[in-house]
Amino acid sequence: MAEKIATREAYGNALKALGEKNEKIVVLDADLSGSTKTAVFAKAFPERFFDCGIAEANMTSMAAGMAACGKIPFISTFAVFGTGRNYDVIRSSICYPKLNVKLAMTHAGLTVGEDGATHQSLEDIALMNALPNMTVIVPADAMQAEGAVFAAAEIEGPVYLRFSRAKTPVIYPEGHRFIPGKADIIKDGKDAAIFACGVMVSKAMEAAAALSNEGIEAAVINISTIKPLDRQTVITYARKCGRVVTAEEHSVFGGLNSVISQCLSEEYPVKVKAVAVKDVFGQSGKADELMEYYALTAGEIVKAVKSF
């Protein structure tokens, strides 16, 4: 069984390592440093850490000012607050002037679990996708999360990094090199293309293995950078396989399914099936039970592929 590590854990450790290499890195948190794991950075570099209290908009405005002065701020809180409650400030103070602020948000999606619908961000990718100048990254595992933190620091401009609360299977080897904007073909195949992101990548791999046992060879492509999308890889695999399934721990609107469907409608029209949260809110429950209830499972991906 694969080792399981939460991507938020990897974020905290990567942030500390990044801080050791680059003195321009500063970190701001909205009174959740124990949960977001920015406390790891705070302990190592207290003079570069700022607890802003439960004041997300103020935290973001502070980060904008620091970026304007040449710093590279990483700001963190739960994804639902960092993108939703905070949207106007991100839009006007970060993206419009294209400031070099990294929005590293944790506890995204249904796998927040018992905190319930108010804390389960199922719209955050859609919100960040809609903003000009924003790069949107959803790491598949802890190793990719670590690489994404270092890559985000090198990107000039706003970056949204989406991390999970729950421990998820490790897919990549330690020291994995993350390349922004590049899709990763985890498994090749010719019968169907499964495009997945975040915690759904490991489930796509499970689904592909089950399908292979039935003689159906499905490709698994990790779309860790939602924006800018690796359009060429998407088109190539749609042409090769003729059947497309998307899998994401997010609303069916505005996230991975939307960007892939838009790309293919323009370049190579083909039927696309979505494994995603339908037009509903989440609810309180254990992470695994919620994923089952909302049909975000390997079995549902298998069913989507076979429905063709």
Protein backbone atom coordinates (compact mmCIF):
# COMPACT_ATOMS: atom_id res chain seq x y z
CA MET A 1 0.00 0.00 0.00
CA ALA A 2 1.29 3.45 -0.95
CA GLU A 3 2.42 5.80 1.81
CA LYS A 4 -0.09 8.55 2.56
CA ILE A 5 0.89 12.17 3.27
CA ALA A 6 -1.32 15.27 3.22
CA THR A 7 -0.28 17.88 0.67
CA ARG A 8 -0.59 20.55 3.38
CA GLU A 9 2.16 18.76 5.33
CA ALA A 10 4.42 18.89 2.29
CA TYR A 11 3.58 22.58 1.87
CA GLY A 12 4.77 23.43 5.38
CA ASN A 13 8.04 21.55 4.97
CA ALA A 14 8.69 22.94 1.49
CA LEU A 15 8.02 26.47 2.70
CA LYS A 16 10.72 26.14 5.36
CA ALA A 17 13.19 24.73 2.81
CA LEU A 18 12.35 27.55 0.41
CA GLY A 19 12.84 30.12 3.16
CA GLU A 20 16.34 28.78 3.79
CA LYS A 21 17.25 29.36 0.14
CA ASN A 22 15.52 32.68 -0.48
CA GLU A 23 15.42 35.55 2.01
CA LYS A 24 12.70 37.31 0.01
CA ILE A 25 10.16 34.68 1.09
CA VAL A 26 7.69 35.94 3.70
CA VAL A 27 4.65 34.06 5.01
CA LEU A 28 1.31 35.40 6.19
CA ASP A 29 -1.43 33.35 7.86
CA ALA A 30 -4.98 34.03 9.04
CA ASP A 31 -4.69 32.50 12.53
CA LEU A 32 -4.54 28.93 11.22
CA SER A 33 -0.82 28.24 11.09
CA GLY A 34 -1.15 24.92 12.94
CA SER A 35 -3.64 23.66 10.38
CA THR A 36 -2.07 25.17 7.26
CA LYS A 37 1.39 24.04 8.47
CA THR A 38 2.91 27.51 8.05
CA ALA A 39 3.89 27.13 11.72
CA VAL A 40 6.90 25.17 10.44
CA PHE A 41 8.14 28.30 8.65
CA ALA A 42 7.18 30.53 11.60
CA LYS A 43 9.35 28.53 13.97
CA ALA A 44 12.36 28.74 11.65
CA PHE A 45 11.93 32.35 10.55
CA PRO A 46 9.81 34.26 13.09
CA GLU A 47 10.94 37.62 11.71
CA ARG A 48 9.49 36.72 8.29
CA PHE A 49 6.19 35.30 9.52
CA PHE A 50 3.05 37.38 10.11
CA ASP A 51 -0.06 36.07 11.85
CA CYS A 52 -2.75 38.43 10.58
CA GLY A 53 -5.61 37.06 12.67
CA ILE A 54 -8.99 36.12 11.22
CA ALA A 55 -8.78 38.92 8.68
CA GLU A 56 -8.20 37.42 5.25
CA ALA A 57 -8.72 40.62 3.26
CA ASN A 58 -6.26 42.51 5.45
CA MET A 59 -3.74 39.67 5.12
CA THR A 60 -4.02 39.80 1.33
CA SER A 61 -3.62 43.58 1.24
CA MET A 62 -0.52 43.31 3.43
CA ALA A 63 0.89 40.72 1.03
CA ALA A 64 0.24 43.03 -1.91
CA GLY A 65 2.25 45.77 -0.21
CA MET A 66 5.09 43.39 0.58
CA ALA A 67 5.16 42.16 -3.03
CA ALA A 68 5.29 45.76 -4.25
CA CYS A 69 8.40 46.16 -2.07
CA GLY A 70 10.16 43.17 -3.64
CA LYS A 71 9.21 40.39 -1.22
CA ILE A 72 7.65 37.06 -2.29
CA PRO A 73 4.68 36.55 0.05
CA PHE A 74 2.94 33.21 0.55
CA ILE A 75 -0.46 33.69 2.17
CA SER A 76 -2.41 30.82 3.74
CA THR A 77 -5.75 29.97 5.26
CA PHE A 78 -8.52 27.48 4.45
CA ALA A 79 -9.34 27.53 0.72
CA VAL A 80 -12.98 28.46 1.27
CA PHE A 81 -12.01 31.64 3.13
CA GLY A 82 -8.87 32.43 1.15
CA THR A 83 -10.67 32.47 -2.20
CA GLY A 84 -14.34 33.12 -1.44
CA ARG A 85 -14.41 35.60 1.41
CA ASN A 86 -11.30 37.17 -0.03
CA TYR A 87 -12.17 37.28 -3.74
CA ASP A 88 -12.48 41.03 -4.27
CA VAL A 89 -9.10 41.81 -2.70
CA ILE A 90 -7.38 39.05 -4.73
CA ARG A 91 -8.98 40.43 -7.89
CA SER A 92 -8.28 44.12 -7.36
CA SER A 93 -5.11 44.14 -5.24
CA ILE A 94 -3.24 41.06 -6.51
CA CYS A 95 -4.34 40.05 -10.02
CA TYR A 96 -5.16 43.43 -11.54
CA PRO A 97 -1.66 44.85 -10.78
CA LYS A 98 -0.15 41.36 -11.35
CA LEU A 99 1.67 41.33 -8.03
CA ASN A 100 3.98 38.49 -7.04
CA VAL A 101 1.79 36.94 -4.32
CA LYS A 102 1.35 33.18 -3.83
CA LEU A 103 -2.02 32.08 -2.47
CA ALA A 104 -1.34 28.71 -0.83
CA MET A 105 -4.68 27.51 0.48
CA THR A 106 -5.28 24.31 2.42
CA HIS A 107 -8.32 22.22 3.47
CA ALA A 108 -9.82 22.33 -0.03
CA GLY A 109 -12.68 20.15 -1.25
CA LEU A 110 -14.89 17.56 0.43
CA THR A 111 -11.98 15.90 2.23
CA VAL A 112 -12.07 18.67 4.84
CA GLY A 113 -14.61 16.23 6.29
CA GLU A 114 -16.48 16.93 9.51
CA ASP A 115 -16.19 20.74 9.24
CA GLY A 116 -19.05 20.54 6.77
CA ALA A 117 -20.37 22.54 3.83
CA THR A 118 -19.33 25.96 5.14
CA HIS A 119 -15.68 24.88 5.10
CA GLN A 120 -15.66 22.66 1.99
CA SER A 121 -14.50 24.76 -0.95
CA LEU A 122 -15.94 23.29 -4.13
CA GLU A 123 -15.79 26.54 -6.09
CA ASP A 124 -12.26 27.81 -5.43
CA ILE A 125 -10.67 26.58 -8.67
CA ALA A 126 -13.49 28.20 -10.64
CA LEU A 127 -12.97 31.52 -8.84
CA MET A 128 -9.23 31.54 -9.38
CA ASN A 129 -9.52 30.30 -12.98
CA ALA A 130 -11.62 33.32 -13.88
CA LEU A 131 -8.97 35.82 -12.82
CA PRO A 132 -6.56 37.18 -15.44
CA ASN A 133 -2.84 36.79 -14.57
CA MET A 134 -3.51 33.91 -12.14
CA THR A 135 -1.74 30.55 -12.39
CA VAL A 136 -3.75 27.69 -10.83
CA ILE A 137 -1.94 24.58 -9.50
CA VAL A 138 -3.50 21.51 -7.87
CA PRO A 139 -0.77 19.02 -6.82
CA ALA A 140 -1.61 15.32 -6.94
CA ASP A 141 0.46 14.27 -3.92
CA ALA A 142 2.93 15.45 -1.29
CA MET A 143 5.99 15.13 -3.55
CA GLN A 144 4.38 17.17 -6.30
CA ALA A 145 3.17 19.71 -3.72
CA GLU A 146 6.73 20.23 -2.55
CA GLY A 147 7.93 20.83 -6.11
CA ALA A 148 4.99 23.14 -6.80
CA VAL A 149 5.93 25.41 -3.88
CA PHE A 150 9.44 25.91 -5.27
CA ALA A 151 8.07 26.40 -8.80
CA ALA A 152 5.51 28.96 -7.62
CA ALA A 153 8.29 31.08 -6.11
CA GLU A 154 9.92 31.24 -9.54
CA ILE A 155 6.76 32.32 -11.37
CA GLU A 156 6.48 36.10 -11.68
CA GLY A 157 2.91 36.93 -10.71
CA PRO A 158 -0.05 35.53 -8.76
CA VAL A 159 -0.24 31.77 -8.16
CA TYR A 160 -3.01 29.74 -6.53
CA LEU A 161 -1.83 26.51 -4.85
CA ARG A 162 -4.58 24.13 -3.69
CA PHE A 163 -3.73 21.74 -0.85
CA SER A 164 -5.80 19.10 0.96
CA ARG A 165 -6.34 18.32 4.62
CA ALA A 166 -6.54 14.53 4.33
CA LYS A 167 -3.60 12.22 3.81
CA THR A 168 -3.46 10.95 0.23
CA PRO A 169 -1.33 8.29 -1.51
CA VAL A 170 2.18 9.28 -2.58
CA ILE A 171 2.48 8.87 -6.35
CA TYR A 172 5.77 10.53 -7.23
CA PRO A 173 9.30 9.81 -5.99
CA GLU A 174 11.01 12.16 -3.55
CA GLY A 175 12.64 15.09 -5.32
CA HIS A 176 10.10 15.01 -8.17
CA ARG A 177 10.64 18.00 -10.48
CA PHE A 178 7.42 19.90 -10.98
CA ILE A 179 7.05 21.74 -14.30
CA PRO A 180 4.25 24.35 -14.26
CA GLY A 181 1.89 24.18 -17.21
CA LYS A 182 2.90 20.65 -18.17
CA ALA A 183 0.53 17.68 -17.93
CA ASP A 184 2.02 14.41 -16.73
CA ILE A 185 1.15 11.13 -18.46
CA ILE A 186 1.16 8.70 -15.54
CA LYS A 187 -0.15 5.77 -17.58
CA ASP A 188 -0.45 5.49 -21.34
CA GLY A 189 -3.52 4.00 -22.99
CA LYS A 190 -5.57 3.99 -26.16
CA ASP A 191 -9.19 3.24 -25.19
CA ALA A 192 -10.00 6.24 -22.97
CA ALA A 193 -8.24 9.30 -21.53
CA ILE A 194 -8.77 10.04 -17.84
CA PHE A 195 -7.74 13.59 -16.97
CA ALA A 196 -7.52 14.07 -13.20
CA CYS A 197 -6.18 16.56 -10.66
CA GLY A 198 -5.41 16.66 -6.95
CA VAL A 199 -6.64 13.83 -4.77
CA MET A 200 -8.47 12.26 -7.73
CA VAL A 201 -5.25 11.33 -9.53
CA SER A 202 -4.63 8.31 -7.29
CA LYS A 203 -8.26 7.25 -7.80
CA ALA A 204 -7.81 7.56 -11.57
CA MET A 205 -4.81 5.24 -11.28
CA GLU A 206 -6.90 2.71 -9.34
CA ALA A 207 -9.61 2.95 -11.98
CA ALA A 208 -7.14 2.44 -14.83
CA ALA A 209 -5.76 -0.69 -13.14
CA ALA A 210 -9.28 -2.11 -12.72
CA LEU A 211 -10.13 -1.33 -16.35
CA SER A 212 -6.91 -2.95 -17.54
CA ASN A 213 -8.01 -6.18 -15.87
CA GLU A 214 -11.05 -6.07 -18.14
CA GLY A 215 -9.01 -5.42 -21.28
CA ILE A 216 -9.67 -1.66 -21.40
CA GLU A 217 -6.47 0.38 -21.57
CA ALA A 218 -7.13 3.86 -20.19
CA ALA A 219 -4.53 6.62 -20.13
CA VAL A 220 -4.19 8.59 -16.88
CA ILE A 221 -3.08 12.20 -17.28
CA ASN A 222 -2.38 14.36 -14.22
CA ILE A 223 -3.45 17.94 -15.00
CA SER A 224 -1.76 19.55 -12.00
CA THR A 225 -1.70 22.97 -13.67
CA ILE A 226 -5.30 23.88 -14.43
CA LYS A 227 -4.30 27.30 -15.73
CA PRO A 228 -2.47 27.62 -18.08
CA LEU A 229 -3.77 24.31 -19.41
CA ASP A 230 -1.48 22.00 -21.36
CA ARG A 231 -3.83 22.11 -24.33
CA GLN A 232 -1.58 20.11 -26.64
CA THR A 233 -1.52 17.07 -24.35
CA VAL A 234 -5.28 17.27 -23.87
CA ILE A 235 -5.90 17.40 -27.62
CA THR A 236 -3.37 14.66 -28.34
CA TYR A 237 -4.99 12.21 -25.93
CA ALA A 238 -8.53 13.11 -26.98
CA ARG A 239 -7.54 12.29 -30.57
CA LYS A 240 -5.72 9.13 -29.54
CA CYS A 241 -8.43 7.72 -27.27
CA GLY A 242 -11.66 9.25 -28.57
CA ARG A 243 -13.24 9.01 -25.10
CA VAL A 244 -12.55 11.49 -22.32
CA VAL A 245 -13.30 11.39 -18.58
CA THR A 246 -12.38 14.14 -16.11
CA ALA A 247 -12.04 13.58 -12.35
CA GLU A 248 -11.81 16.34 -9.73
CA GLU A 249 -12.71 17.03 -6.09
CA HIS A 250 -14.50 20.22 -7.09
CA SER A 251 -17.76 21.42 -8.56
CA VAL A 252 -18.44 20.24 -12.10
CA PHE A 253 -18.64 23.93 -12.98
CA GLY A 254 -15.55 26.07 -13.57
CA GLY A 255 -12.81 23.57 -12.75
CA LEU A 256 -10.99 20.79 -14.60
CA ASN A 257 -14.01 19.55 -16.54
CA SER A 258 -14.83 23.06 -17.70
CA VAL A 259 -11.35 23.91 -18.99
CA ILE A 260 -10.94 20.54 -20.74
CA SER A 261 -14.40 20.69 -22.29
CA GLN A 262 -13.78 24.24 -23.51
CA CYS A 263 -10.42 23.27 -24.99
CA LEU A 264 -11.84 20.25 -26.81
CA SER A 265 -14.95 22.08 -28.04
CA GLU A 266 -12.59 24.49 -29.80
CA GLU A 267 -9.98 22.04 -31.03
CA TYR A 268 -11.37 18.50 -31.23
CA PRO A 269 -15.03 18.07 -30.27
CA VAL A 270 -15.51 14.78 -28.43
CA LYS A 271 -17.84 13.52 -25.70
CA VAL A 272 -16.55 14.26 -22.17
CA LYS A 273 -17.86 12.57 -19.00
CA ALA A 274 -17.30 14.29 -15.65
CA VAL A 275 -16.62 12.71 -12.26
CA ALA A 276 -17.07 15.73 -10.03
CA VAL A 277 -19.39 17.22 -7.42
CA LYS A 278 -22.67 18.07 -9.11
CA ASP A 279 -24.48 21.34 -8.44
CA VAL A 280 -24.71 20.80 -4.67
CA PHE A 281 -23.00 21.77 -1.43
CA GLY A 282 -21.12 19.30 0.75
CA GLN A 283 -22.03 18.21 4.27
CA SER A 284 -20.39 17.01 7.46
CA GLY A 285 -18.90 13.53 7.45
CA LYS A 286 -15.70 11.53 7.32
CA ALA A 287 -13.60 12.28 4.24
CA ASP A 288 -13.82 8.77 2.75
CA GLU A 289 -17.56 8.57 3.35
CA LEU A 290 -18.12 11.94 1.67
CA MET A 291 -16.08 10.93 -1.36
CA GLU A 292 -18.22 7.81 -1.66
CA TYR A 293 -21.49 9.70 -1.14
CA TYR A 294 -20.65 12.31 -3.77
CA ALA A 295 -19.43 9.65 -6.23
CA LEU A 296 -15.77 10.69 -6.28
CA THR A 297 -14.32 7.18 -6.39
CA ALA A 298 -12.28 4.89 -8.61
CA GLY A 299 -15.46 2.91 -9.18
CA GLU A 300 -17.25 5.96 -10.56
CA ILE A 301 -14.36 6.64 -12.93
CA VAL A 302 -14.57 3.02 -14.13
CA LYS A 303 -18.31 3.44 -14.61
CA ALA A 304 -17.79 6.68 -16.60
CA VAL A 305 -15.27 5.03 -18.92
CA LYS A 306 -17.46 1.96 -19.47
CA SER A 307 -20.52 4.13 -20.15
CA PHE A 308 -19.01 4.93 -23.55
